[in-house]
Every structure is written in C-alpha cells, then in structure tokens.
Amino acid sequence: YLQFHSFWQPFVILLKIPLDFIGVFIALLLTRQALNLSVAIGLLTLVGVAVNNAIVLIDLANKLQETEKMLPREALLEAVHIRTRPILMTGLTTIFGLLPAAIGMGIGSEIHQPFAITIIGGMITGIFFSLNVVPALYEGIGKLAAKIG
C-alpha cells in the first residue's frame, strides 16, 4: 500500500506469483525432480525476482499516468515497451547463468540442480507473464476498482 497508494495494485503483483509457479512445476516434472529444500529455496528466490519485475512495470505505468497525464492503457503499453528489454535481460542472464547448475555440472550438483531448475522454469514463464498478464490484470482490476469506488 505504501508504494502504490492503493490496495488493488499490490494484489495484481501477488496474483502473478502463482502463475510463475506453473513454469516451476512443469520444469520439475520434465526433469523428474522431487520437491525438496533446494526447490523451496528456489521458489523463495523466484518470488523475489518475479515480484520485482511486476513492481518495476506497474511503478512505471503509475509514473507515466501522473507525469505525462496518460490514460491507464496508454501508460501500460508505454511501460511494457520501455521495460521489455530490462525484464528480458534480467531473466535471460539468470537463466543462462543457472544453466550449468541445471545441467548438473560440477561438484555438489545434486544440491544445486533442483534449485537451478526451479528458477529457470519460473523465469521462463515469469518473463511471459510479466509482459503480458500483469498489464492485463492491472487494467482489468483497475477498471473494477474504479467502478467499486
């Protein structure tokens, strides 16, 4: 509430977290990894990164509405246009940085592999959801919140 001055915008960010878990569970199923402590730590790490991407996007849309006097839809489209490259770069560097651990290279790979697979799976879907679903949720829930008052 303190950052966005509303209750519905943080709700949009929180709705994105379960969507990112879809990619995690698909990746874990494909690689036949069990749920364990490494996966749990990976989920916590993923939540931090995923929430950050959504916050950056929504914060920019809010700033564009205030400073440029844009309509919510215009501000969202501009925010997605401006933030696509940073979100992609953050996600892809994370994915490529964790690939050696996900493949199982090196000493202790049994511990690091589930962690890496968890984050990679979540980041793949997280990038898509950050750039597509978060703006749709923001606009839809924003209209609903405006009607309610």
Protein backbone atom coordinates (compact mmCIF):
# COMPACT_ATOMS: atom_id res chain seq x y z
CA TYR A 1 0.00 0.00 0.00
CA LEU A 2 2.75 2.47 0.86
CA GLN A 3 4.44 2.34 -2.54
CA PHE A 4 1.34 2.33 -4.75
CA HIS A 5 -1.20 4.15 -2.51
CA SER A 6 -3.85 1.55 -3.32
CA PHE A 7 -4.76 -1.95 -2.31
CA TRP A 8 -5.51 -3.34 -5.76
CA GLN A 9 -2.09 -2.77 -7.37
CA PRO A 10 -0.18 -4.96 -4.88
CA PHE A 11 -2.93 -7.53 -5.40
CA VAL A 12 -2.02 -7.62 -9.13
CA ILE A 13 1.60 -8.31 -8.20
CA LEU A 14 0.63 -11.07 -5.78
CA LEU A 15 -1.59 -12.71 -8.41
CA LYS A 16 1.45 -13.14 -10.64
CA ILE A 17 3.31 -15.37 -8.16
CA PRO A 18 1.14 -18.50 -8.57
CA LEU A 19 1.34 -18.08 -12.34
CA ASP A 20 5.14 -18.25 -12.18
CA PHE A 21 4.87 -21.48 -10.22
CA ILE A 22 3.27 -23.09 -13.30
CA GLY A 23 6.65 -22.95 -15.04
CA VAL A 24 8.39 -24.29 -11.95
CA PHE A 25 6.20 -27.36 -11.72
CA ILE A 26 6.40 -28.04 -15.46
CA ALA A 27 10.21 -27.83 -15.29
CA LEU A 28 10.31 -30.11 -12.25
CA LEU A 29 8.04 -32.63 -13.95
CA LEU A 30 10.06 -32.59 -17.18
CA THR A 31 13.32 -33.15 -15.32
CA ARG A 32 11.78 -35.59 -12.83
CA GLN A 33 12.94 -33.62 -9.82
CA ALA A 34 11.31 -34.10 -6.43
CA LEU A 35 10.16 -31.29 -4.17
CA ASN A 36 12.88 -30.72 -1.60
CA LEU A 37 14.61 -27.96 0.34
CA SER A 38 16.56 -26.77 -2.72
CA VAL A 39 13.29 -26.35 -4.62
CA ALA A 40 11.77 -24.42 -1.69
CA ILE A 41 14.75 -22.06 -1.60
CA GLY A 42 14.49 -21.66 -5.36
CA LEU A 43 10.80 -20.77 -5.02
CA LEU A 44 11.61 -18.05 -2.48
CA THR A 45 14.32 -16.66 -4.74
CA LEU A 46 12.00 -16.75 -7.73
CA VAL A 47 9.28 -14.87 -5.85
CA GLY A 48 11.71 -12.02 -5.18
CA VAL A 49 12.74 -11.68 -8.81
CA ALA A 50 9.22 -12.14 -10.17
CA VAL A 51 7.74 -9.57 -7.82
CA ASN A 52 10.49 -7.11 -8.72
CA ASN A 53 9.68 -7.33 -12.44
CA ALA A 54 5.99 -6.67 -11.80
CA ILE A 55 6.73 -3.80 -9.41
CA VAL A 56 9.01 -2.12 -11.94
CA LEU A 57 6.35 -2.39 -14.64
CA ILE A 58 3.46 -1.13 -12.52
CA ASP A 59 5.52 1.65 -10.96
CA LEU A 60 6.50 2.98 -14.39
CA ALA A 61 2.88 2.85 -15.57
CA ASN A 62 1.83 4.84 -12.49
CA LYS A 63 4.57 7.42 -13.05
CA LEU A 64 3.59 7.82 -16.71
CA GLN A 65 -0.03 8.39 -15.69
CA GLU A 66 0.99 11.05 -13.18
CA THR A 67 3.71 12.90 -15.08
CA GLU A 68 2.61 12.50 -18.69
CA LYS A 69 -1.13 12.51 -17.92
CA MET A 70 -1.58 9.29 -19.89
CA LEU A 71 -4.62 7.08 -19.74
CA PRO A 72 -4.03 3.77 -17.92
CA ARG A 73 -3.96 1.71 -21.13
CA GLU A 74 -1.53 4.09 -22.85
CA ALA A 75 0.70 4.14 -19.78
CA LEU A 76 0.70 0.34 -19.63
CA LEU A 77 1.63 -0.02 -23.28
CA GLU A 78 4.42 2.52 -22.90
CA ALA A 79 5.66 0.88 -19.68
CA VAL A 80 5.77 -2.53 -21.36
CA HIS A 81 7.59 -1.00 -24.33
CA ILE A 82 10.18 0.67 -22.09
CA ARG A 83 10.66 -2.23 -19.65
CA THR A 84 10.65 -5.18 -22.07
CA ARG A 85 14.41 -5.12 -22.63
CA PRO A 86 15.39 -4.84 -18.93
CA ILE A 87 12.97 -7.63 -17.97
CA LEU A 88 14.25 -9.84 -20.79
CA MET A 89 17.89 -9.11 -19.95
CA THR A 90 17.38 -9.84 -16.26
CA GLY A 91 15.53 -13.06 -16.98
CA LEU A 92 17.86 -14.33 -19.68
CA THR A 93 21.03 -13.63 -17.69
CA THR A 94 19.51 -15.50 -14.75
CA ILE A 95 18.52 -18.42 -16.97
CA PHE A 96 21.87 -18.66 -18.76
CA GLY A 97 23.78 -18.17 -15.52
CA LEU A 98 21.99 -21.12 -13.94
CA LEU A 99 22.21 -23.45 -16.95
CA PRO A 100 25.47 -25.13 -15.84
CA ALA A 101 23.95 -25.88 -12.44
CA ALA A 102 20.72 -27.12 -14.04
CA ILE A 103 22.65 -29.45 -16.33
CA GLY A 104 24.42 -30.85 -13.28
CA MET A 105 27.97 -29.73 -13.95
CA GLY A 106 30.40 -29.55 -11.06
CA ILE A 107 30.78 -30.75 -7.53
CA GLY A 108 27.60 -30.80 -5.45
CA SER A 109 25.33 -30.65 -8.47
CA GLU A 110 22.78 -32.87 -6.72
CA ILE A 111 22.00 -29.99 -4.37
CA HIS A 112 22.20 -27.13 -6.87
CA GLN A 113 20.35 -28.78 -9.75
CA PRO A 114 16.79 -28.62 -8.29
CA PHE A 115 17.40 -25.00 -7.23
CA ALA A 116 18.53 -24.01 -10.73
CA ILE A 117 15.72 -25.90 -12.47
CA THR A 118 13.18 -24.23 -10.20
CA ILE A 119 14.39 -20.74 -11.00
CA ILE A 120 14.83 -21.40 -14.73
CA GLY A 121 11.33 -22.83 -15.08
CA GLY A 122 9.81 -19.97 -13.14
CA MET A 123 11.77 -17.32 -15.02
CA ILE A 124 10.71 -18.65 -18.41
CA THR A 125 7.03 -18.33 -17.57
CA GLY A 126 7.67 -15.28 -15.39
CA ILE A 127 9.01 -13.24 -18.29
CA PHE A 128 5.94 -14.03 -20.36
CA PHE A 129 3.53 -13.29 -17.52
CA SER A 130 5.32 -10.06 -16.55
CA LEU A 131 4.99 -8.63 -20.03
CA ASN A 132 1.52 -9.96 -20.91
CA VAL A 133 -0.59 -10.98 -17.93
CA VAL A 134 0.44 -8.28 -15.44
CA PRO A 135 -0.68 -5.44 -17.77
CA ALA A 136 -3.98 -7.23 -18.46
CA LEU A 137 -4.60 -7.80 -14.74
CA TYR A 138 -3.59 -4.21 -13.98
CA GLU A 139 -6.08 -2.81 -16.46
CA GLY A 140 -8.89 -5.22 -15.59
CA ILE A 141 -8.61 -4.92 -11.82
CA GLY A 142 -8.04 -1.17 -12.15
CA LYS A 143 -11.34 -0.77 -14.00
CA LEU A 144 -13.11 -2.93 -11.43
CA ALA A 145 -11.60 -0.90 -8.56
CA ALA A 146 -12.70 2.35 -10.23
CA LYS A 147 -16.28 1.07 -10.52
CA ILE A 148 -16.36 -0.03 -6.89
CA GLY A 149 -15.03 3.34 -5.84
